[in-house]
Each structure stands twice: as structure tokens, then as C-alpha cells.
Amino acid sequence: MKKITLALLLLSSFTALFAQAPQKMNYQSVIRKTDGTLLVNTSIGIKTSILLGSPIGTASYVETQTITTNVNGLATLEIGGGIPVTGTFAAINWGAGSHFIKTEIDPAGGTNYTISGTSQLLSVPYALYAGSSVSKGKTSIILTGDITDADAVAQIQAELGPYTENVYVTNTTNLTTLDLSTAKSFINLTIMDNTKLSSIKLDNLIEIYGDLEIENNEKLSSLVFPVFTVMHGYEISIGSNPTLTSISFPVLSKTKGIYFTYNASLTSISFPMLSKVYTSQTSLNFNNNALPSSQVNAILNKLLDISPANTSPTSGNFIQLQGQNPAAPPTGQGLTDKATLISRGNSVSTD
């Protein structure tokens, strides 16, 4: 078999076709032999991959086609019209970054792809970008009532995107797992009054600009915010979750108000990187939980490092750790730290 080289001529403009689903994109390349002559009127097998980010990036879509070159050696195909191997053309997120087209050729018309070339897709038809099935996101998402886990997954996949500002999950009766792992920021996140909700995943949530409220969820056992860094809004409120035992913010560095209150089973609170509150007279409330004295001591010690460091008796923060069940007064160094905080102008209440 004669060796053949592939010369890719990626047209500077593309055509998005909407006459039928799925959307398609016209693509053309010229096929030449090693001597430079055109491979004309020949059936060839083509495997096309859409790569994200680089010429060796992850393939978000792969398809195969068999087409025939014309008298000028030009192979014309509609990407999105072949046999899908990986993904779907309609699901390509054209807004996710740069894209590259890798084309592999079997000059015999089969699937023994021996020739390949990759070119960057320098422009994407607006219609494709706007019509991407990867949602830019509804402004507000509401999950409520008898929604099931499967229904919630489908709704979140359809509605959550970079333009989503608010998520409200309230008064559900069947929902057990809430997965918001793809979200990075919200204005408001409210998860409240859910009967069976036991697991919340917020693996990539970095910041909130309004309120974070997680309250009165009967079966919720633990909360972890692995990469949550800044609370720009008014408060973090996690309260009245009767089975909640632990709250962890491993990288939270800055916040306004904290209200971790009335969680009857809560024995562990962790925010090792917290170093700043926005203003003095901030409320930092950890009252009416089940924190042991060791946790009360640890929180008092951590709050010594919070800036601004208050020195005026009229400008301190309000720190509440009272009402633990069973009662958990500070001990040892905790008593010293409490006294230090009070001397700096803070109001500190404990058992």
C-alpha cells in the first residue's frame, strides 16, 4: 500500500447545522500521497476527536466515519454526523477552553488508522457555543417536595452551571443525597427542612457571596467543605440539625458571622485556617451543641489568632460557647484563653 500523508486544511469558518439533531459542524481536509499528489475519488475511514485544552488533551468527543474524497482530494464531513465512540457532539462544552480537532485516517476505508493530524479549532460557530447542552446554568435552582435522588441528579445536571447564583433545597421528603460537587461559588445556598437528607457533597465550592444556611435536616450526619476558602456574605448558619456530629472547614480563612448552633449531636468543629473576620463586633456562635470541653478549649485557642485583634472594650467580637449538653466549661489553658479574649474587648460566654 502506498504511504499517504494527511494535509489538514481547517477552514477559517465553520457551519453549524440545525436542520436536524444533533448539531453538526462542517469540516474539510485535503488528503495527499507522499509524493504530494492528491488522493482523489477514494473511500477512506476517518476517526475524528475533539480534544480539550491541548493537542494531547482529553477527548470530549470521538466519532468514526467513512467518506469519499472528491476529484480535488478534498474530504468533507459533518462532525457530529458519524458513529459516536466517546461522548456526544451535543454535549461538548465549547465554552470550557480551547479545542483541537484530531483526525486519523485509514486510506483503505477501514479502521486501521495509520495517519493522523491535529489542528486547533480557532473559532467556534456561535450557534454551537450558545447551543451547547452543557448548561450555563439557571440563576436559581429549587429542589423541594418528593424529589428523589435520581430526579435531583438529573435536575442539577440540567440546571447547574457557571451562571447559577442560588440553590435552594427545602422541604424534601425523599432526597437522601445532594451532590453539588461541580459548583465553585454561589450567592446563596440554602439547605433546610429536609426529612431524609443524610449526605451533602460540596467538593469544589470555594466561596459564597450571600448566605450559607444548612438547617433542620433530620438525618444529616456530617459536613465537610474541602476547598471552601472565603465567606463574603453575612453568615454561615448551620443549625438545628439533630444528628449532625461534625463540621469541617479545612481551608476557610475569612468569614463574617458564624452560627453553628442547636445541633444536638455536634461534638466536633474544625476551621484550622481561619485567620480573619471582616469587622469587629462579629458574632461567632457555637452555643447549644454537644461540644466537649476539649473542643471548647480548641475553639477559644483558635479565636486568639483571629484578626483584627480587638483591644477596645467597645469593639470586640461576640463569642458564644454556652449551652453545651452535657455542660462543657473551658478548662486549663482554655480558661486562660477565655480571659485573654475578654481582655481584648471580646464578649465571651461559656458554660
Protein backbone atom coordinates (compact mmCIF):
# COMPACT_ATOMS: atom_id res chain seq x y z
CA MET A 1 0.00 0.00 0.00
CA LYS A 2 1.26 3.42 -0.86
CA LYS A 3 2.05 5.69 2.04
CA ILE A 4 -0.21 8.68 2.22
CA THR A 5 0.16 11.88 4.19
CA LEU A 6 -2.65 13.98 5.51
CA ALA A 7 -2.69 17.71 4.86
CA LEU A 8 -5.27 19.34 7.07
CA LEU A 9 -6.87 22.47 5.79
CA LEU A 10 -9.10 23.58 8.61
CA LEU A 11 -11.41 26.18 7.17
CA SER A 12 -11.42 29.54 8.89
CA SER A 13 -15.19 29.37 9.16
CA PHE A 14 -17.47 26.55 10.17
CA THR A 15 -21.13 25.94 9.56
CA ALA A 16 -23.40 24.77 12.34
CA LEU A 17 -26.31 22.74 11.02
CA PHE A 18 -29.64 22.78 12.83
CA ALA A 19 -31.88 21.12 10.28
CA GLN A 20 -31.85 18.01 12.43
CA ALA A 21 -30.40 16.91 15.75
CA PRO A 22 -27.72 16.54 16.79
CA GLN A 23 -25.95 19.74 15.80
CA LYS A 24 -23.15 19.27 13.30
CA MET A 25 -20.11 21.14 12.11
CA ASN A 26 -18.72 21.05 8.58
CA TYR A 27 -15.05 20.13 8.36
CA GLN A 28 -12.78 19.67 5.36
CA SER A 29 -9.29 18.31 4.85
CA VAL A 30 -7.17 17.56 1.79
CA ILE A 31 -5.66 14.08 1.51
CA ARG A 32 -2.34 13.72 -0.34
CA LYS A 33 0.05 10.94 -1.14
CA THR A 34 3.67 11.12 -0.05
CA ASP A 35 4.64 12.48 -3.45
CA GLY A 36 2.28 15.40 -2.94
CA THR A 37 -0.34 14.28 -5.41
CA LEU A 38 -3.95 14.27 -4.36
CA LEU A 39 -5.77 11.13 -3.26
CA VAL A 40 -8.88 11.55 -5.39
CA ASN A 41 -12.20 9.72 -5.54
CA THR A 42 -11.12 7.31 -2.80
CA SER A 43 -13.12 5.89 0.11
CA ILE A 44 -11.29 6.49 3.39
CA GLY A 45 -12.02 5.80 7.05
CA ILE A 46 -11.79 8.81 9.35
CA LYS A 47 -11.72 8.92 13.13
CA THR A 48 -12.33 12.42 14.49
CA SER A 49 -11.65 13.50 18.07
CA ILE A 50 -12.45 16.83 19.75
CA LEU A 51 -9.70 17.44 22.31
CA LEU A 52 -9.94 19.89 25.18
CA GLY A 53 -7.10 22.22 26.13
CA SER A 54 -4.19 20.97 24.03
CA PRO A 55 -3.26 18.76 21.06
CA ILE A 56 -2.89 15.88 23.53
CA GLY A 57 -5.83 16.87 25.72
CA THR A 58 -8.71 14.73 26.87
CA ALA A 59 -11.13 13.73 24.13
CA SER A 60 -14.59 15.06 24.93
CA TYR A 61 -16.00 13.54 21.75
CA VAL A 62 -14.82 10.85 19.31
CA GLU A 63 -16.58 9.54 16.21
CA THR A 64 -15.82 7.49 13.09
CA GLN A 65 -16.98 7.92 9.50
CA THR A 66 -16.31 6.52 6.05
CA ILE A 67 -16.25 9.16 3.32
CA THR A 68 -15.04 9.56 -0.25
CA THR A 69 -12.64 12.26 -1.37
CA ASN A 70 -13.63 14.31 -4.40
CA VAL A 71 -11.73 14.99 -7.59
CA ASN A 72 -9.59 17.52 -5.72
CA GLY A 73 -8.70 15.12 -2.92
CA LEU A 74 -10.97 17.03 -0.56
CA ALA A 75 -12.63 15.06 2.22
CA THR A 76 -15.76 16.77 3.53
CA LEU A 77 -17.50 15.56 6.64
CA GLU A 78 -20.02 16.72 9.17
CA ILE A 79 -18.57 16.30 12.63
CA GLY A 80 -21.43 15.12 14.77
CA GLY A 81 -22.84 13.00 11.99
CA GLY A 82 -20.61 9.96 12.42
CA ILE A 83 -20.76 6.93 14.69
CA PRO A 84 -20.04 8.09 18.27
CA VAL A 85 -17.23 6.30 20.08
CA THR A 86 -16.88 8.62 23.08
CA GLY A 87 -19.42 11.16 24.32
CA THR A 88 -21.96 13.02 22.23
CA PHE A 89 -21.37 16.00 19.99
CA ALA A 90 -24.25 17.92 21.56
CA ALA A 91 -22.64 17.59 25.00
CA ILE A 92 -19.35 19.29 24.06
CA ASN A 93 -18.82 22.32 26.31
CA TRP A 94 -17.42 24.76 23.77
CA GLY A 95 -17.01 27.39 26.47
CA ALA A 96 -14.70 25.26 28.62
CA GLY A 97 -11.50 26.33 26.87
CA SER A 98 -9.58 25.87 23.64
CA HIS A 99 -10.41 22.87 21.47
CA PHE A 100 -8.40 20.85 18.97
CA ILE A 101 -9.53 18.52 16.21
CA LYS A 102 -7.54 15.33 15.75
CA THR A 103 -8.20 13.44 12.53
CA GLU A 104 -6.95 9.89 11.96
CA ILE A 105 -7.12 8.26 8.53
CA ASP A 106 -7.32 4.74 7.17
CA PRO A 107 -6.72 5.21 3.42
CA ALA A 108 -8.19 1.77 2.77
CA GLY A 109 -11.56 2.81 4.13
CA GLY A 110 -11.42 0.73 7.30
CA THR A 111 -10.48 1.36 10.92
CA ASN A 112 -6.73 0.79 10.75
CA TYR A 113 -5.90 4.42 11.36
CA THR A 114 -2.26 4.95 10.41
CA ILE A 115 -2.19 8.66 9.63
CA SER A 116 -3.11 11.49 11.95
CA GLY A 117 -3.07 15.25 12.21
CA THR A 118 -4.20 17.73 14.83
CA SER A 119 -5.22 21.37 14.41
CA GLN A 120 -6.56 23.92 16.83
CA LEU A 121 -10.14 24.99 16.39
CA LEU A 122 -9.55 28.74 16.42
CA SER A 123 -13.19 29.72 16.24
CA VAL A 124 -16.42 28.02 17.18
CA PRO A 125 -19.70 28.88 15.47
CA TYR A 126 -21.74 30.99 17.85
CA ALA A 127 -24.74 28.74 17.33
CA LEU A 128 -22.79 25.76 18.60
CA TYR A 129 -21.43 27.66 21.58
CA ALA A 130 -24.83 29.01 22.51
CA GLY A 131 -26.49 25.68 21.90
CA SER A 132 -24.11 23.59 23.94
CA SER A 133 -26.06 21.12 26.06
CA VAL A 134 -23.71 21.87 28.93
CA SER A 135 -25.90 24.43 30.64
CA LYS A 136 -24.57 27.84 31.54
CA GLY A 137 -26.94 27.44 34.44
CA LYS A 138 -30.24 28.72 35.72
CA THR A 139 -29.94 31.69 38.03
CA SER A 140 -31.77 29.86 40.81
CA ILE A 141 -32.31 26.14 41.32
CA ILE A 142 -35.05 24.84 43.61
CA LEU A 143 -35.30 21.25 44.84
CA THR A 144 -38.32 20.53 47.02
CA GLY A 145 -41.17 18.15 47.77
CA ASP A 146 -40.94 14.44 46.98
CA ILE A 147 -37.98 14.75 44.60
CA THR A 148 -35.86 11.58 44.52
CA ASP A 149 -32.08 11.24 44.38
CA ALA A 150 -32.26 10.35 40.68
CA ASP A 151 -34.53 13.30 39.94
CA ALA A 152 -32.18 15.63 41.81
CA VAL A 153 -29.16 14.40 39.86
CA ALA A 154 -30.97 14.97 36.57
CA GLN A 155 -32.18 18.44 37.56
CA ILE A 156 -28.77 19.53 38.80
CA GLN A 157 -27.08 18.27 35.65
CA ALA A 158 -29.59 20.17 33.52
CA GLU A 159 -29.69 23.41 35.50
CA LEU A 160 -26.40 23.91 37.37
CA GLY A 161 -23.76 25.96 35.57
CA PRO A 162 -21.37 28.89 35.92
CA TYR A 163 -24.29 31.35 35.84
CA THR A 164 -26.10 29.69 38.74
CA GLU A 165 -26.30 32.07 41.70
CA ASN A 166 -28.67 30.43 44.16
CA VAL A 167 -29.57 26.90 45.18
CA TYR A 168 -32.50 26.20 47.49
CA VAL A 169 -33.08 22.66 48.75
CA THR A 170 -36.03 22.78 51.10
CA ASN A 171 -38.77 20.56 52.49
CA THR A 172 -37.81 17.43 50.58
CA THR A 173 -39.21 14.12 51.80
CA ASN A 174 -37.30 11.51 49.75
CA LEU A 175 -33.96 13.13 48.94
CA THR A 176 -31.06 11.40 50.72
CA THR A 177 -28.00 12.67 48.81
CA LEU A 178 -27.30 16.12 47.41
CA ASP A 179 -24.33 16.35 45.05
CA LEU A 180 -23.24 19.90 44.19
CA SER A 181 -19.63 18.89 43.59
CA THR A 182 -19.31 20.80 40.32
CA ALA A 183 -20.24 24.15 41.87
CA LYS A 184 -17.47 26.62 42.74
CA SER A 185 -19.41 29.61 44.04
CA PHE A 186 -22.90 30.75 44.92
CA ILE A 187 -24.57 33.87 46.14
CA ASN A 188 -26.94 31.92 48.38
CA LEU A 189 -27.04 28.25 49.32
CA THR A 190 -29.96 27.14 51.48
CA ILE A 191 -30.45 23.51 52.53
CA MET A 192 -33.27 23.41 55.04
CA ASP A 193 -36.06 21.24 56.48
CA ASN A 194 -35.22 18.05 54.59
CA THR A 195 -36.55 14.86 56.14
CA LYS A 196 -34.16 12.20 54.81
CA LEU A 197 -31.15 14.14 53.55
CA SER A 198 -28.04 12.49 55.02
CA SER A 199 -25.21 13.46 52.63
CA ILE A 200 -24.19 16.76 51.04
CA LYS A 201 -21.25 16.93 48.61
CA LEU A 202 -19.63 20.33 48.06
CA ASP A 203 -16.22 19.17 46.91
CA ASN A 204 -15.34 22.23 44.80
CA LEU A 205 -17.25 25.03 46.49
CA ILE A 206 -14.79 27.88 47.13
CA GLU A 207 -16.85 30.91 48.11
CA ILE A 208 -20.30 32.29 48.86
CA TYR A 209 -21.33 35.93 48.44
CA GLY A 210 -24.61 35.89 50.35
CA ASP A 211 -25.79 33.37 52.92
CA LEU A 212 -24.93 29.74 53.59
CA GLU A 213 -27.77 28.13 55.54
CA ILE A 214 -27.93 24.44 56.42
CA GLU A 215 -30.66 23.98 58.99
CA ASN A 216 -33.14 21.46 60.37
CA ASN A 217 -32.11 18.46 58.29
CA GLU A 218 -33.13 15.46 60.36
CA LYS A 219 -30.68 12.83 59.06
CA LEU A 220 -27.59 14.87 58.20
CA SER A 221 -24.57 13.36 59.96
CA SER A 222 -21.50 15.36 58.87
CA LEU A 223 -20.46 18.33 56.76
CA VAL A 224 -17.14 18.84 55.01
CA PHE A 225 -16.25 21.84 52.85
CA PRO A 226 -12.86 20.69 51.47
CA VAL A 227 -11.90 23.82 49.47
CA PHE A 228 -14.25 26.48 50.85
CA THR A 229 -11.99 29.48 51.43
CA VAL A 230 -13.94 32.72 51.82
CA MET A 231 -17.38 33.64 53.10
CA HIS A 232 -18.04 37.03 51.52
CA GLY A 233 -21.63 37.21 52.70
CA TYR A 234 -23.21 37.84 56.05
CA GLU A 235 -23.08 34.49 57.79
CA ILE A 236 -22.52 30.76 57.78
CA SER A 237 -25.50 29.27 59.57
CA ILE A 238 -25.53 25.56 60.40
CA GLY A 239 -28.16 24.90 62.99
CA SER A 240 -30.81 22.59 64.40
CA ASN A 241 -29.54 19.51 62.58
CA PRO A 242 -30.23 16.90 65.28
CA THR A 243 -27.94 14.11 64.04
CA LEU A 244 -25.05 16.27 62.80
CA THR A 245 -21.85 15.24 64.60
CA SER A 246 -19.07 17.14 62.81
CA ILE A 247 -18.43 20.29 60.76
CA SER A 248 -15.13 20.78 58.93
CA PHE A 249 -13.82 23.80 57.00
CA PRO A 250 -10.17 22.80 56.49
CA VAL A 251 -9.15 25.88 54.44
CA LEU A 252 -11.65 28.56 55.44
CA SER A 253 -9.61 31.72 56.01
CA LYS A 254 -12.08 34.60 56.14
CA THR A 255 -15.69 34.99 57.18
CA LYS A 256 -18.26 37.29 58.70
CA GLY A 257 -20.71 35.71 61.12
CA ILE A 258 -20.65 32.06 62.20
CA TYR A 259 -23.72 30.41 63.69
CA PHE A 260 -23.13 26.73 64.44
CA THR A 261 -25.92 26.34 66.97
CA TYR A 262 -28.53 23.96 68.36
CA ASN A 263 -27.07 20.84 66.75
CA ALA A 264 -27.86 18.34 69.48
CA SER A 265 -25.23 15.77 68.45
CA LEU A 266 -22.45 18.10 67.29
CA THR A 267 -19.18 17.20 69.01
CA SER A 268 -16.56 18.39 66.51
CA ILE A 269 -15.95 21.73 64.77
CA SER A 270 -12.80 22.40 62.75
CA PHE A 271 -11.59 25.55 60.98
CA PRO A 272 -7.78 25.40 61.36
CA MET A 273 -7.00 28.10 58.77
CA LEU A 274 -9.48 30.75 59.88
CA SER A 275 -7.49 33.95 60.42
CA LYS A 276 -9.75 36.91 59.69
CA VAL A 277 -13.21 38.29 60.25
CA TYR A 278 -14.34 41.25 58.20
CA THR A 279 -15.08 43.62 61.06
CA SER A 280 -15.10 43.83 64.81
CA GLN A 281 -18.36 43.01 66.58
CA THR A 282 -18.70 39.83 64.56
CA SER A 283 -20.86 37.07 66.02
CA LEU A 284 -19.06 33.75 66.37
CA ASN A 285 -21.66 31.44 67.85
CA PHE A 286 -21.11 27.79 68.78
CA ASN A 287 -23.72 27.52 71.51
CA ASN A 288 -26.22 24.78 72.35
CA ASN A 289 -24.43 21.88 70.74
CA ALA A 290 -22.78 18.83 72.33
CA LEU A 291 -19.19 20.08 72.24
CA PRO A 292 -16.92 18.63 74.92
CA SER A 293 -14.59 20.85 76.95
CA SER A 294 -11.67 19.85 74.73
CA GLN A 295 -13.47 21.33 71.71
CA VAL A 296 -14.43 24.45 73.62
CA ASN A 297 -10.77 24.88 74.58
CA ALA A 298 -9.64 24.37 70.98
CA ILE A 299 -12.09 26.95 69.63
CA LEU A 300 -11.11 29.54 72.23
CA ASN A 301 -7.45 29.00 71.40
CA LYS A 302 -8.07 29.32 67.67
CA LEU A 303 -10.01 32.55 68.10
CA LEU A 304 -6.95 34.14 69.70
CA ASP A 305 -5.42 34.28 66.21
CA ILE A 306 -8.35 35.98 64.51
CA SER A 307 -7.71 39.46 63.13
CA PRO A 308 -8.49 42.24 63.57
CA ALA A 309 -7.16 41.67 67.10
CA ASN A 310 -9.52 43.66 69.27
CA THR A 311 -8.11 45.86 72.01
CA SER A 312 -11.03 48.19 72.69
CA PRO A 313 -13.74 47.09 75.14
CA THR A 314 -16.37 48.53 72.80
CA SER A 315 -15.27 46.89 69.57
CA GLY A 316 -14.93 43.21 70.33
CA ASN A 317 -16.46 40.13 68.78
CA PHE A 318 -19.32 38.21 70.35
CA ILE A 319 -18.21 34.64 71.09
CA GLN A 320 -20.80 32.19 72.39
CA LEU A 321 -19.96 28.67 73.53
CA GLN A 322 -22.52 28.20 76.28
CA GLY A 323 -25.36 25.69 76.47
CA GLN A 324 -23.43 22.53 75.59
CA ASN A 325 -25.17 19.29 76.51
CA PRO A 326 -23.68 17.99 78.67
CA ALA A 327 -22.24 21.21 80.06
CA ALA A 328 -18.67 21.80 78.87
CA PRO A 329 -16.86 24.67 80.56
CA PRO A 330 -13.35 25.59 79.39
CA THR A 331 -10.56 24.00 81.38
CA GLY A 332 -6.84 24.60 81.88
CA GLN A 333 -5.45 26.67 79.03
CA GLY A 334 -8.99 27.23 77.83
CA LEU A 335 -9.68 29.36 80.91
CA THR A 336 -6.58 31.43 80.19
CA ASP A 337 -7.53 31.87 76.54
CA LYS A 338 -11.05 32.92 77.51
CA ALA A 339 -9.64 35.55 79.84
CA THR A 340 -7.29 36.80 77.12
CA LEU A 341 -10.13 37.15 74.64
CA ILE A 342 -12.19 39.08 77.16
CA SER A 343 -9.25 41.36 77.93
CA ARG A 344 -9.10 42.22 74.23
CA GLY A 345 -12.65 43.53 74.30
CA ASN A 346 -14.48 40.42 73.15
CA SER A 347 -17.68 39.21 74.77
CA VAL A 348 -17.21 35.51 75.59
CA SER A 349 -19.92 33.23 77.00
CA THR A 350 -19.25 29.62 78.01
CA ASP A 351 -20.67 27.04 80.40
